[in-house]
């Protein structure tokens, strides 16, 4: 969890490895991978600080001075920086120039938009019927944005895989109409979802049954009959999830009317009603949402989709080819390109799709006694393979991460890298850092109550010595304006009473666009604030221009 000292553990391990005189490892034989350049600089600083402290304590000992002298050349960097260094060193094997640069995100977006736009225009000019059919599936005439967006997102996603087009072609085959519905990944996914949802609904119904213990025995019987019927309906749908035809035919649940609850405790009746509303909604809306086609519909849909998928692959290949031509011409590449250059240098596939290491990979594996990776939950499949190949010789791989903190799936991060780590490295020793040094127990309990609902995660029992702390307050508002007004009022009240200072408050939101309503209310209430990681709404160029214009015409 955040605040459990994961990075500190990694630093401590490095320091022990390089300062253990009985079995010391030179620091330049370690590969230390971080998620950001700032984290790499911080780690280098911490190691330098520890070595300098040891040197001051042992001024005559040349051992620690030797390690400090190696530190400037130690491989402590992001995976992107490591790959860039490797590619620049072996550029001649890739038929590229050594002095290449890297695109920033805006430059890459502009290049992609230009190339995709040119190819779309060409397809329309040639009256390419396959492309036009694909285009019409995504959008309406005159609106290219959905197609452009789909191609760009697909390119980013496939380049998070070690062998992009192997993966893409294999994925396209999932749409093959030759695969029966019962054998398809779609049925397996839907079955798992229905099984999960119906299990949750069943738990709620059984909880309702346990709540039926009224003084009136007749009322007990009436309520029990209804809830038991509900349980039978849920179990029927759960059982039918193994056969699509049964699900489609008998998917409509039947619920009896609940008896009057006027004679029972209000809190109990409200709990029973709330649980029942939830599981009725699960069965009539959530599960029903999956059941939109029978097996004939599925065959017809996959037949059409399979053709579209082949057209999409063809379009993506052409865009990728043209992009690489432009990149070579500009002598500039994306970090994703550079990672794949590194893959070309380190491994390839044989005719049976087995990964074969190159001589360079074997040499590097020999050089690196241990590889240490921070924030491992944020690695993608390419990085997972690169790290695994380099760790092949000694199998000394130390990673720290938290699957609950994996938030970069939209960038291609694969949380499966940490969830399935023990399968890739069967002799792994797992150490759970469950003590938290940053938060109070109330915060940990609340966070855990939310995250434990995730289906795919490693179990943890978070605890702290920081005490229980203040309980959380949960409030619901009708809209964002009401929420912002309440916060401004609360902040002012606490500051005026001397209970807090303005700098003691922080407002977190999901996207920068949500800042505007808070800024408006804070300005109206004279609450000073500072934007972090974004631009003050009223300081944005386009807003300042509009405000200046309004002042002129006022």
Protein backbone atom coordinates (compact mmCIF):
# COMPACT_ATOMS: atom_id res chain seq x y z
CA UNK A 1 0.00 0.00 0.00
CA UNK A 2 1.03 3.64 -0.37
CA UNK A 3 3.09 4.64 2.64
CA UNK A 4 4.31 1.15 3.49
CA UNK A 5 7.95 1.87 2.64
CA UNK A 6 8.27 -0.04 -0.63
CA UNK A 7 10.89 2.26 -2.17
CA UNK A 8 12.75 2.46 1.15
CA UNK A 9 12.98 -1.34 1.15
CA UNK A 10 14.44 -1.28 -2.36
CA UNK A 11 17.05 1.33 -1.37
CA UNK A 12 17.94 -0.62 1.78
CA UNK A 13 18.43 -3.79 -0.26
CA UNK A 14 20.77 -1.99 -2.66
CA UNK A 15 22.79 -0.56 0.22
CA UNK A 16 23.11 -3.98 1.88
CA UNK A 17 24.17 -5.60 -1.39
CA UNK A 18 26.93 -3.07 -2.02
CA UNK A 19 28.17 -2.73 1.59
CA UNK A 20 28.23 -6.38 2.71
CA UNK A 21 31.98 -6.98 2.75
CA UNK A 22 31.56 -10.75 2.99
CA UNK A 23 29.72 -10.88 -0.34
CA UNK A 24 29.75 -7.39 -1.80
CA UNK A 25 28.38 -6.60 -5.24
CA UNK A 26 29.75 -3.62 -7.17
CA UNK A 27 26.92 -1.15 -7.69
CA UNK A 28 27.57 -1.00 -11.43
CA UNK A 29 26.55 -4.68 -11.56
CA UNK A 30 23.04 -3.77 -10.44
CA UNK A 31 20.27 -2.58 -12.73
CA UNK A 32 17.84 -0.41 -10.76
CA UNK A 33 14.66 0.56 -12.58
CA UNK A 34 12.33 3.32 -11.38
CA UNK A 35 9.09 4.72 -12.76
CA UNK A 36 10.18 8.38 -13.10
CA UNK A 37 13.44 10.29 -13.57
CA UNK A 38 12.74 12.08 -10.28
CA UNK A 39 12.52 8.72 -8.48
CA UNK A 40 15.81 7.63 -10.09
CA UNK A 41 17.52 10.83 -8.92
CA UNK A 42 16.09 10.40 -5.42
CA UNK A 43 17.31 6.81 -5.25
CA UNK A 44 20.80 7.78 -6.42
CA UNK A 45 20.84 10.53 -3.77
CA UNK A 46 19.80 8.14 -0.98
CA UNK A 47 22.49 5.62 -1.94
CA UNK A 48 25.13 8.37 -2.15
CA UNK A 49 24.07 9.72 1.25
CA UNK A 50 24.36 6.28 2.88
CA UNK A 51 27.80 5.64 1.35
CA UNK A 52 29.06 9.08 2.44
CA UNK A 53 27.89 8.39 5.99
CA UNK A 54 29.79 5.10 5.99
CA UNK A 55 32.89 6.84 4.62
CA UNK A 56 32.74 9.47 7.37
CA UNK A 57 32.40 6.72 9.96
CA UNK A 58 35.25 4.71 8.39
CA UNK A 59 37.62 7.28 6.80
CA UNK A 60 40.46 4.79 6.35
CA UNK A 61 38.32 2.16 4.64
CA UNK A 62 38.69 2.28 0.84
CA UNK A 63 35.89 -0.25 0.31
CA UNK A 64 33.05 2.30 0.60
CA UNK A 65 35.00 4.88 -1.41
CA UNK A 66 35.28 2.33 -4.20
CA UNK A 67 31.51 1.87 -4.29
CA UNK A 68 30.95 5.63 -4.26
CA UNK A 69 33.33 6.01 -7.22
CA UNK A 70 31.20 3.50 -9.18
CA UNK A 71 27.91 5.26 -8.40
CA UNK A 72 28.02 7.82 -11.30
CA UNK A 73 28.09 4.94 -13.80
CA UNK A 74 25.53 2.78 -12.00
CA UNK A 75 22.41 1.91 -13.99
CA UNK A 76 19.74 3.69 -11.96
CA UNK A 77 17.11 4.94 -14.38
CA UNK A 78 13.66 4.54 -15.84
CA UNK A 79 13.14 1.64 -18.22
CA UNK A 80 12.85 4.21 -21.04
CA UNK A 81 16.24 5.72 -20.18
CA UNK A 82 17.82 2.26 -19.96
CA UNK A 83 16.42 1.26 -23.37
CA UNK A 84 17.54 4.57 -24.91
CA UNK A 85 21.08 4.04 -23.61
CA UNK A 86 21.12 0.46 -24.91
CA UNK A 87 19.81 1.44 -28.35
CA UNK A 88 22.27 4.34 -28.72
CA UNK A 89 25.11 1.98 -27.85
CA UNK A 90 24.05 -0.63 -30.43
CA UNK A 91 22.41 1.63 -33.04
CA UNK A 92 24.42 0.06 -35.88
CA UNK A 93 22.54 -3.23 -35.44
CA UNK A 94 19.21 -1.44 -36.00
CA UNK A 95 20.04 0.63 -39.10
CA UNK A 96 19.26 3.89 -37.32
CA UNK A 97 21.33 6.96 -36.48
CA UNK A 98 22.97 7.18 -33.08
CA UNK A 99 22.03 10.82 -32.54
CA UNK A 100 18.26 10.22 -32.66
CA UNK A 101 15.95 12.28 -30.48
CA UNK A 102 12.66 11.37 -28.78
CA UNK A 103 9.27 12.88 -29.51
CA UNK A 104 7.37 14.64 -26.79
CA UNK A 105 3.69 13.74 -26.58
CA UNK A 106 2.39 16.78 -28.50
CA UNK A 107 4.86 16.25 -31.38
CA UNK A 108 3.89 12.58 -31.63
CA UNK A 109 0.17 13.41 -31.59
CA UNK A 110 0.63 15.92 -34.42
CA UNK A 111 2.63 13.46 -36.54
CA UNK A 112 0.06 10.69 -35.99
CA UNK A 113 -2.85 13.00 -36.87
CA UNK A 114 -1.13 14.08 -40.11
CA UNK A 115 -0.23 10.55 -41.21
CA UNK A 116 -3.64 9.07 -40.36
CA UNK A 117 -5.38 11.99 -42.09
CA UNK A 118 -3.37 11.45 -45.29
CA UNK A 119 -4.14 7.71 -45.31
CA UNK A 120 -7.86 8.28 -44.71
CA UNK A 121 -7.98 10.77 -47.58
CA UNK A 122 -6.20 8.27 -49.82
CA UNK A 123 -8.66 5.49 -48.92
CA UNK A 124 -11.63 7.74 -49.74
CA UNK A 125 -10.06 8.85 -53.04
CA UNK A 126 -9.49 5.21 -54.04
CA UNK A 127 -13.06 4.35 -52.97
CA UNK A 128 -11.70 1.52 -50.82
CA UNK A 129 -14.90 -0.37 -49.99
CA UNK A 130 -13.42 -2.38 -47.08
CA UNK A 131 -12.18 0.81 -45.48
CA UNK A 132 -15.43 2.69 -46.10
CA UNK A 133 -17.38 -0.16 -44.49
CA UNK A 134 -15.04 -0.01 -41.48
CA UNK A 135 -15.36 3.77 -41.35
CA UNK A 136 -19.16 3.59 -41.35
CA UNK A 137 -19.09 1.12 -38.46
CA UNK A 138 -17.22 3.66 -36.32
CA UNK A 139 -18.82 6.93 -37.30
CA UNK A 140 -20.94 8.96 -39.69
CA UNK A 141 -19.70 10.67 -42.88
CA UNK A 142 -17.66 13.80 -42.26
CA UNK A 143 -16.58 12.81 -38.76
CA UNK A 144 -13.15 11.18 -38.80
CA UNK A 145 -12.38 11.59 -35.11
CA UNK A 146 -13.66 8.18 -33.87
CA UNK A 147 -11.58 6.34 -36.52
CA UNK A 148 -8.47 8.42 -35.85
CA UNK A 149 -8.88 7.89 -32.10
CA UNK A 150 -9.40 4.11 -32.52
CA UNK A 151 -6.27 3.72 -34.66
CA UNK A 152 -4.14 5.77 -32.24
CA UNK A 153 -5.40 3.88 -29.18
CA UNK A 154 -4.86 0.53 -30.89
CA UNK A 155 -1.31 1.47 -31.90
CA UNK A 156 -0.50 2.44 -28.32
CA UNK A 157 -2.00 -0.75 -26.97
CA UNK A 158 -0.30 -3.17 -29.38
CA UNK A 159 3.05 -1.48 -28.77
CA UNK A 160 2.67 -2.33 -25.10
CA UNK A 161 3.10 -5.94 -26.32
CA UNK A 162 6.55 -7.40 -27.18
CA UNK A 163 5.42 -8.55 -30.64
CA UNK A 164 2.63 -6.16 -31.64
CA UNK A 165 1.28 -7.79 -34.78
CA UNK A 166 1.55 -11.33 -33.45
CA UNK A 167 -0.66 -10.18 -30.60
CA UNK A 168 -3.02 -8.21 -32.85
CA UNK A 169 -3.56 -11.04 -35.34
CA UNK A 170 -4.11 -13.52 -32.51
CA UNK A 171 -6.65 -11.12 -30.96
CA UNK A 172 -8.44 -10.70 -34.30
CA UNK A 173 -8.91 -14.47 -34.51
CA UNK A 174 -11.08 -14.27 -31.39
CA UNK A 175 -13.73 -12.78 -33.70
CA UNK A 176 -13.62 -15.75 -36.06
CA UNK A 177 -17.15 -17.00 -36.87
CA UNK A 178 -15.72 -20.52 -36.93
CA UNK A 179 -15.44 -20.46 -33.12
CA UNK A 180 -18.72 -21.63 -31.50
CA UNK A 181 -20.15 -19.26 -28.92
CA UNK A 182 -19.68 -21.80 -26.11
CA UNK A 183 -15.92 -21.95 -26.88
CA UNK A 184 -15.43 -18.21 -27.31
CA UNK A 185 -13.61 -15.89 -24.90
CA UNK A 186 -16.70 -13.70 -24.92
CA UNK A 187 -18.86 -16.44 -23.43
CA UNK A 188 -16.17 -17.22 -20.83
CA UNK A 189 -16.03 -13.53 -19.87
CA UNK A 190 -19.82 -13.14 -19.69
CA UNK A 191 -20.16 -16.38 -17.72
CA UNK A 192 -17.59 -15.17 -15.17
CA UNK A 193 -19.32 -11.80 -14.84
CA UNK A 194 -22.76 -13.38 -14.42
CA UNK A 195 -21.34 -15.85 -11.93
CA UNK A 196 -19.76 -13.00 -9.93
CA UNK A 197 -22.89 -10.83 -10.02
CA UNK A 198 -25.26 -13.68 -9.17
CA UNK A 199 -23.00 -14.77 -6.28
CA UNK A 200 -23.16 -11.24 -4.88
CA UNK A 201 -26.95 -11.18 -5.34
CA UNK A 202 -27.18 -14.56 -3.58
CA UNK A 203 -25.17 -13.26 -0.62
CA UNK A 204 -27.56 -10.31 -0.27
CA UNK A 205 -30.64 -12.55 -0.45
CA UNK A 206 -29.19 -14.91 2.19
CA UNK A 207 -28.40 -11.91 4.39
CA UNK A 208 -32.07 -10.93 4.09
CA UNK A 209 -33.08 -14.43 5.14
CA UNK A 210 -30.88 -14.15 8.24
CA UNK A 211 -32.63 -10.86 9.17
CA UNK A 212 -36.07 -12.54 9.35
CA UNK A 213 -36.55 -13.15 13.06
CA UNK A 214 -39.74 -11.29 13.99
CA UNK A 215 -42.02 -11.78 16.98
CA UNK A 216 -44.94 -12.57 14.65
CA UNK A 217 -44.35 -16.15 13.40
CA UNK A 218 -46.80 -15.74 10.53
CA UNK A 219 -44.83 -12.73 9.34
CA UNK A 220 -41.63 -14.79 9.52
CA UNK A 221 -43.20 -17.42 7.28
CA UNK A 222 -44.49 -14.87 4.74
CA UNK A 223 -41.15 -13.04 4.46
CA UNK A 224 -39.18 -16.31 4.34
CA UNK A 225 -41.32 -17.65 1.49
CA UNK A 226 -40.67 -14.56 -0.62
CA UNK A 227 -36.93 -14.44 0.08
CA UNK A 228 -36.54 -18.20 -0.51
CA UNK A 229 -38.27 -17.75 -3.87
CA UNK A 230 -35.79 -14.94 -4.63
CA UNK A 231 -32.90 -17.27 -3.75
CA UNK A 232 -34.27 -19.96 -6.09
CA UNK A 233 -34.50 -17.41 -8.93
CA UNK A 234 -30.91 -16.28 -8.38
CA UNK A 235 -29.64 -19.87 -8.20
CA UNK A 236 -31.52 -20.70 -11.41
CA UNK A 237 -29.81 -17.87 -13.29
CA UNK A 238 -26.46 -18.79 -11.75
CA UNK A 239 -26.89 -22.41 -12.89
CA UNK A 240 -28.03 -21.36 -16.38
CA UNK A 241 -24.86 -19.23 -16.86
CA UNK A 242 -23.13 -22.44 -18.00
CA UNK A 243 -25.43 -22.69 -21.05
CA UNK A 244 -26.08 -19.66 -23.23
CA UNK A 245 -29.28 -21.04 -24.74
CA UNK A 246 -30.78 -21.53 -21.25
CA UNK A 247 -29.72 -18.04 -20.19
CA UNK A 248 -31.36 -16.43 -23.20
CA UNK A 249 -34.53 -18.50 -22.92
CA UNK A 250 -35.05 -18.23 -19.16
CA UNK A 251 -33.28 -15.03 -18.26
CA UNK A 252 -36.33 -13.09 -17.02
CA UNK A 253 -36.51 -13.42 -13.21
CA UNK A 254 -39.84 -13.42 -11.41
CA UNK A 255 -40.15 -11.63 -8.06
CA UNK A 256 -43.13 -11.86 -5.74
CA UNK A 257 -44.49 -8.87 -3.89
CA UNK A 258 -43.03 -8.39 -0.41
CA UNK A 259 -45.46 -8.59 2.55
CA UNK A 260 -46.28 -5.41 4.44
CA UNK A 261 -43.46 -4.36 6.76
CA UNK A 262 -45.56 -2.05 8.94
CA UNK A 263 -45.27 -4.37 11.96
CA UNK A 264 -41.50 -4.90 11.93
CA UNK A 265 -38.56 -2.80 13.04
CA UNK A 266 -38.00 0.04 10.58
CA UNK A 267 -34.20 -0.40 10.38
CA UNK A 268 -34.60 -4.12 9.59
CA UNK A 269 -37.29 -3.52 6.95
CA UNK A 270 -35.17 -0.80 5.32
CA UNK A 271 -32.15 -3.12 5.24
CA UNK A 272 -34.17 -5.94 3.66
CA UNK A 273 -35.64 -3.54 1.09
CA UNK A 274 -32.22 -2.05 0.24
CA UNK A 275 -30.66 -5.51 -0.23
CA UNK A 276 -33.60 -6.67 -2.33
CA UNK A 277 -33.50 -3.56 -4.52
CA UNK A 278 -29.82 -4.21 -5.20
CA UNK A 279 -30.14 -7.86 -6.15
CA UNK A 280 -33.27 -7.24 -8.20
CA UNK A 281 -31.36 -4.56 -10.11
CA UNK A 282 -28.44 -6.98 -10.62
CA UNK A 283 -30.72 -9.59 -12.14
CA UNK A 284 -33.00 -7.32 -14.19
CA UNK A 285 -30.46 -4.74 -15.39
CA UNK A 286 -26.82 -5.76 -14.93
CA UNK A 287 -27.11 -9.42 -16.01
CA UNK A 288 -29.81 -8.62 -18.55
CA UNK A 289 -27.37 -6.18 -20.18
CA UNK A 290 -25.14 -9.09 -21.21
CA UNK A 291 -27.94 -11.08 -22.82
CA UNK A 292 -28.53 -9.12 -26.01
CA UNK A 293 -28.02 -11.82 -28.67
CA UNK A 294 -28.79 -15.46 -29.28
CA UNK A 295 -26.38 -17.88 -30.97
CA UNK A 296 -27.57 -17.01 -34.50
CA UNK A 297 -27.06 -13.31 -33.78
CA UNK A 298 -23.59 -14.14 -32.49
CA UNK A 299 -22.68 -15.96 -35.71
CA UNK A 300 -23.89 -13.08 -37.88
CA UNK A 301 -22.15 -10.46 -35.71
CA UNK A 302 -18.79 -12.24 -35.64
CA UNK A 303 -18.93 -12.84 -39.39
CA UNK A 304 -19.26 -9.09 -39.98
CA UNK A 305 -16.85 -8.10 -37.22
CA UNK A 306 -14.17 -10.50 -38.45
CA UNK A 307 -14.09 -8.71 -41.83
CA UNK A 308 -13.92 -5.33 -40.07
CA UNK A 309 -11.09 -6.55 -37.84
CA UNK A 310 -9.03 -7.57 -40.89
CA UNK A 311 -9.65 -4.14 -42.42
CA UNK A 312 -8.66 -2.45 -39.17
CA UNK A 313 -5.42 -4.46 -38.94
CA UNK A 314 -4.61 -3.52 -42.53
CA UNK A 315 -5.24 0.16 -41.78
CA UNK A 316 -3.15 0.08 -38.58
CA UNK A 317 -0.28 -1.64 -40.41
CA UNK A 318 -0.28 1.04 -43.10
CA UNK A 319 -0.39 3.86 -40.55
CA UNK A 320 2.44 2.23 -38.56
CA UNK A 321 4.55 1.77 -41.71
CA UNK A 322 4.11 5.40 -42.79
CA UNK A 323 4.76 6.65 -39.26
CA UNK A 324 8.05 4.76 -39.06
CA UNK A 325 9.10 6.17 -42.45
CA UNK A 326 8.42 9.69 -41.16
CA UNK A 327 10.22 8.97 -37.88
CA UNK A 328 13.30 7.71 -39.68
CA UNK A 329 13.24 10.77 -41.89
CA UNK A 330 13.00 13.05 -38.82
CA UNK A 331 15.50 10.90 -36.86
CA UNK A 332 13.15 10.95 -33.90
CA UNK A 333 11.24 8.14 -32.19
CA UNK A 334 8.74 7.54 -29.41
CA UNK A 335 9.72 5.75 -26.19
CA UNK A 336 7.59 2.86 -27.35
CA UNK A 337 9.67 2.60 -30.55
CA UNK A 338 12.86 2.61 -28.48
CA UNK A 339 11.57 -0.18 -26.23
CA UNK A 340 10.90 -2.27 -29.33
CA UNK A 341 14.37 -1.49 -30.68
CA UNK A 342 15.66 -2.88 -27.38
CA UNK A 343 13.54 -6.01 -27.88
CA UNK A 344 15.08 -6.48 -31.33
CA UNK A 345 18.52 -6.30 -29.72
CA UNK A 346 17.72 -8.74 -26.90
CA UNK A 347 15.38 -11.46 -28.14
CA UNK A 348 13.33 -12.84 -30.99
CA UNK A 349 10.78 -15.59 -31.71
CA UNK A 350 11.64 -18.91 -33.34
CA UNK A 351 9.31 -20.77 -35.71
CA UNK A 352 7.38 -22.17 -32.73
CA UNK A 353 6.97 -18.72 -31.13
CA UNK A 354 9.49 -19.53 -28.38
CA UNK A 355 11.54 -16.58 -27.13
CA UNK A 356 15.23 -16.88 -28.05
CA UNK A 357 17.79 -14.62 -26.36
CA UNK A 358 20.47 -12.91 -28.43
CA UNK A 359 24.18 -12.92 -27.60
CA UNK A 360 23.81 -9.35 -26.32
CA UNK A 361 21.03 -10.45 -23.94
CA UNK A 362 23.26 -13.22 -22.57
CA UNK A 363 26.11 -10.77 -22.11
CA UNK A 364 23.95 -8.28 -20.24
CA UNK A 365 22.45 -11.04 -18.09
CA UNK A 366 25.99 -12.00 -17.12
CA UNK A 367 26.84 -8.38 -16.25
CA UNK A 368 23.83 -7.69 -14.03
CA UNK A 369 24.07 -9.59 -10.79
CA UNK A 370 20.66 -8.34 -9.70
CA UNK A 371 17.83 -6.32 -11.18
CA UNK A 372 15.65 -4.22 -8.89
CA UNK A 373 12.40 -2.62 -10.05
CA UNK A 374 10.29 -0.01 -8.28
CA UNK A 375 6.52 0.48 -8.94
CA UNK A 376 6.36 -2.88 -10.71
CA UNK A 377 2.56 -2.72 -10.98
CA UNK A 378 2.97 0.03 -13.60
CA UNK A 379 5.08 -2.01 -16.04
CA UNK A 380 3.63 -3.09 -19.37
CA UNK A 381 4.12 -6.43 -21.10
CA UNK A 382 7.11 -5.17 -23.13
CA UNK A 383 8.91 -4.02 -19.98
CA UNK A 384 7.99 -7.25 -18.20
CA UNK A 385 9.64 -9.27 -20.96
CA UNK A 386 12.71 -7.03 -21.15
CA UNK A 387 13.28 -7.28 -17.40
CA UNK A 388 12.67 -11.03 -17.42
CA UNK A 389 15.18 -11.60 -20.23
CA UNK A 390 17.88 -9.59 -18.44
CA UNK A 391 17.27 -11.48 -15.18
CA UNK A 392 17.55 -14.88 -16.91
CA UNK A 393 21.12 -15.69 -15.87
CA UNK A 394 21.11 -15.23 -12.08
CA UNK A 395 17.31 -15.04 -11.57
CA UNK A 396 18.07 -12.35 -9.00
CA UNK A 397 15.08 -10.11 -9.52
CA UNK A 398 13.71 -7.93 -6.72
CA UNK A 399 10.54 -5.98 -7.47
CA UNK A 400 8.35 -3.84 -5.25
CA UNK A 401 4.85 -2.72 -6.08
CA UNK A 402 1.22 -2.77 -5.09
CA UNK A 403 -1.43 -4.21 -7.37
CA UNK A 404 -3.99 -1.96 -5.64
CA UNK A 405 -2.07 1.09 -6.90
CA UNK A 406 -2.13 0.06 -10.57
CA UNK A 407 -3.76 3.03 -12.32
CA UNK A 408 -1.97 3.21 -15.67
CA UNK A 409 -3.84 0.60 -17.69
CA UNK A 410 -4.76 3.33 -20.18
CA UNK A 411 -1.01 3.63 -20.90
CA UNK A 412 -0.65 -0.11 -21.39
CA UNK A 413 0.32 -1.08 -17.83
CA UNK A 414 -0.47 -4.72 -17.08
CA UNK A 415 -1.31 -5.43 -13.44
CA UNK A 416 -0.99 -9.13 -14.30
CA UNK A 417 2.78 -8.65 -14.24
CA UNK A 418 2.68 -8.41 -10.44
CA UNK A 419 -0.36 -10.62 -9.85
CA UNK A 420 1.19 -13.54 -11.77
CA UNK A 421 4.81 -12.92 -10.79
CA UNK A 422 5.12 -16.20 -8.88
CA UNK A 423 4.00 -18.15 -11.96
CA UNK A 424 6.80 -16.62 -14.07
CA UNK A 425 9.35 -17.04 -11.26
CA UNK A 426 8.23 -20.11 -9.23
CA UNK A 427 11.00 -19.78 -6.63
CA UNK A 428 9.86 -16.28 -5.65
CA UNK A 429 9.84 -15.20 -2.02
CA UNK A 430 6.95 -12.81 -1.35
CA UNK A 431 7.17 -10.32 1.54
CA UNK A 432 4.05 -8.30 2.32
CA UNK A 433 4.63 -4.77 3.62
CA UNK A 434 1.38 -4.41 5.50
CA UNK A 435 2.44 -1.83 8.09
CA UNK A 436 1.64 1.70 6.96
CA UNK A 437 3.76 4.63 8.17
CA UNK A 438 1.75 7.42 6.57
CA UNK A 439 -1.93 7.01 7.40
CA UNK A 440 -4.18 6.41 10.40
CA UNK A 441 -6.18 3.21 10.83
CA UNK A 442 -9.47 4.86 9.86
CA UNK A 443 -7.97 5.85 6.49
CA UNK A 444 -6.56 2.35 5.92
CA UNK A 445 -9.84 0.66 6.84
CA UNK A 446 -11.81 2.91 4.49
CA UNK A 447 -9.36 2.39 1.62
CA UNK A 448 -9.35 -1.36 2.19
CA UNK A 449 -13.16 -1.49 2.35
CA UNK A 450 -13.25 -0.08 -1.19
CA UNK A 451 -10.32 -1.89 -2.80
CA UNK A 452 -11.16 -5.32 -1.39
CA UNK A 453 -14.10 -5.42 -3.82
CA UNK A 454 -11.62 -5.82 -6.69
CA UNK A 455 -11.77 -9.39 -7.99
CA UNK A 456 -8.12 -9.74 -9.06
CA UNK A 457 -5.80 -8.66 -6.25
CA UNK A 458 -3.41 -9.94 -3.61
CA UNK A 459 -4.91 -10.00 -0.14
CA UNK A 460 -3.43 -7.64 2.45
CA UNK A 461 -4.18 -6.73 6.05
CA UNK A 462 -3.12 -3.09 6.46
CA UNK A 463 -2.26 -1.78 9.90
CA UNK A 464 -0.48 1.16 11.49
CA UNK A 465 0.92 2.39 14.77
CA UNK A 466 -0.37 5.91 14.01
CA UNK A 467 -3.58 5.35 15.95
CA UNK A 468 -7.21 5.35 14.80
CA UNK A 469 -7.23 9.02 13.76
CA UNK A 470 -10.32 11.05 12.89
CA UNK A 471 -13.29 9.17 11.42
CA UNK A 472 -14.07 9.84 7.77
CA UNK A 473 -17.04 12.01 6.85
CA UNK A 474 -19.07 10.93 3.83
CA UNK A 475 -21.39 13.50 2.28
CA UNK A 476 -23.59 13.44 -0.83
CA UNK A 477 -24.50 16.58 -2.79
CA UNK A 478 -27.01 17.33 -5.49
CA UNK A 479 -24.38 18.78 -7.81
CA UNK A 480 -20.76 19.99 -8.04
CA UNK A 481 -21.74 23.59 -7.25
CA UNK A 482 -23.34 22.61 -3.94
CA UNK A 483 -20.31 20.47 -3.09
CA UNK A 484 -17.83 23.31 -3.78
CA UNK A 485 -19.93 25.83 -1.82
CA UNK A 486 -20.01 23.49 1.19
CA UNK A 487 -16.21 23.01 1.11
CA UNK A 488 -15.58 26.76 0.89
CA UNK A 489 -17.90 27.33 3.87
CA UNK A 490 -16.28 24.55 5.94
CA UNK A 491 -12.75 25.79 5.24
CA UNK A 492 -13.67 29.36 6.19
CA UNK A 493 -15.39 28.23 9.38
CA UNK A 494 -12.40 26.17 10.57
CA UNK A 495 -9.90 28.92 9.73
CA UNK A 496 -11.96 31.64 11.44
CA UNK A 497 -12.25 29.50 14.59
CA UNK A 498 -8.47 28.96 14.62
CA UNK A 499 -8.82 25.18 14.20
CA UNK A 500 -6.80 25.10 10.98
CA UNK A 501 -4.88 27.15 8.42
CA UNK A 502 -5.70 27.44 4.72
CA UNK A 503 -2.63 25.36 3.85
CA UNK A 504 -3.99 22.48 5.98
CA UNK A 505 -6.64 21.69 3.33
CA UNK A 506 -6.38 19.84 0.03
CA UNK A 507 -9.09 19.29 -2.58
CA UNK A 508 -8.60 16.26 -4.85
CA UNK A 509 -10.53 15.71 -8.07
CA UNK A 510 -10.34 13.22 -10.93
CA UNK A 511 -9.72 15.59 -13.86
CA UNK A 512 -8.45 19.16 -14.19
CA UNK A 513 -11.77 20.17 -15.78
CA UNK A 514 -13.42 19.73 -12.37
CA UNK A 515 -11.33 22.50 -10.80
CA UNK A 516 -13.40 25.35 -12.24
CA UNK A 517 -16.40 25.07 -9.91
CA UNK A 518 -14.12 24.96 -6.84
CA UNK A 519 -12.18 27.98 -8.07
CA UNK A 520 -15.41 29.93 -8.56
CA UNK A 521 -16.72 29.20 -5.07
CA UNK A 522 -13.33 29.83 -3.42
CA UNK A 523 -13.01 33.19 -5.19
CA UNK A 524 -16.53 34.20 -4.16
CA UNK A 525 -15.79 33.18 -0.55
CA UNK A 526 -12.31 34.77 -0.50
CA UNK A 527 -10.64 31.42 0.16
CA UNK A 528 -7.04 31.58 -1.14
CA UNK A 529 -5.89 28.52 -3.09
CA UNK A 530 -3.01 27.24 -5.19
CA UNK A 531 -3.41 24.95 -8.20
CA UNK A 532 -1.06 21.96 -8.34
CA UNK A 533 -0.55 20.01 -11.56
CA UNK A 534 -2.84 22.25 -13.58
CA UNK A 535 -3.47 25.84 -14.65
CA UNK A 536 -5.73 28.14 -12.68
CA UNK A 537 -8.96 28.29 -14.71
CA UNK A 538 -8.97 32.09 -14.77
CA UNK A 539 -5.27 32.19 -15.72
CA UNK A 540 -5.76 30.08 -18.85
CA UNK A 541 -5.04 32.02 -22.03
CA UNK A 542 -8.39 31.46 -23.68
CA UNK A 543 -10.28 32.41 -20.49
CA UNK A 544 -8.18 35.56 -20.01
CA UNK A 545 -8.89 36.55 -23.62
CA UNK A 546 -12.65 36.12 -23.15
CA UNK A 547 -12.62 38.06 -19.86
CA UNK A 548 -10.63 40.88 -21.46
CA UNK A 549 -13.12 40.98 -24.36
CA UNK A 550 -16.08 41.10 -21.96
CA UNK A 551 -14.49 44.02 -20.09
CA UNK A 552 -14.12 45.93 -23.36
CA UNK A 553 -17.75 45.48 -24.41
CA UNK A 554 -19.15 46.02 -20.89
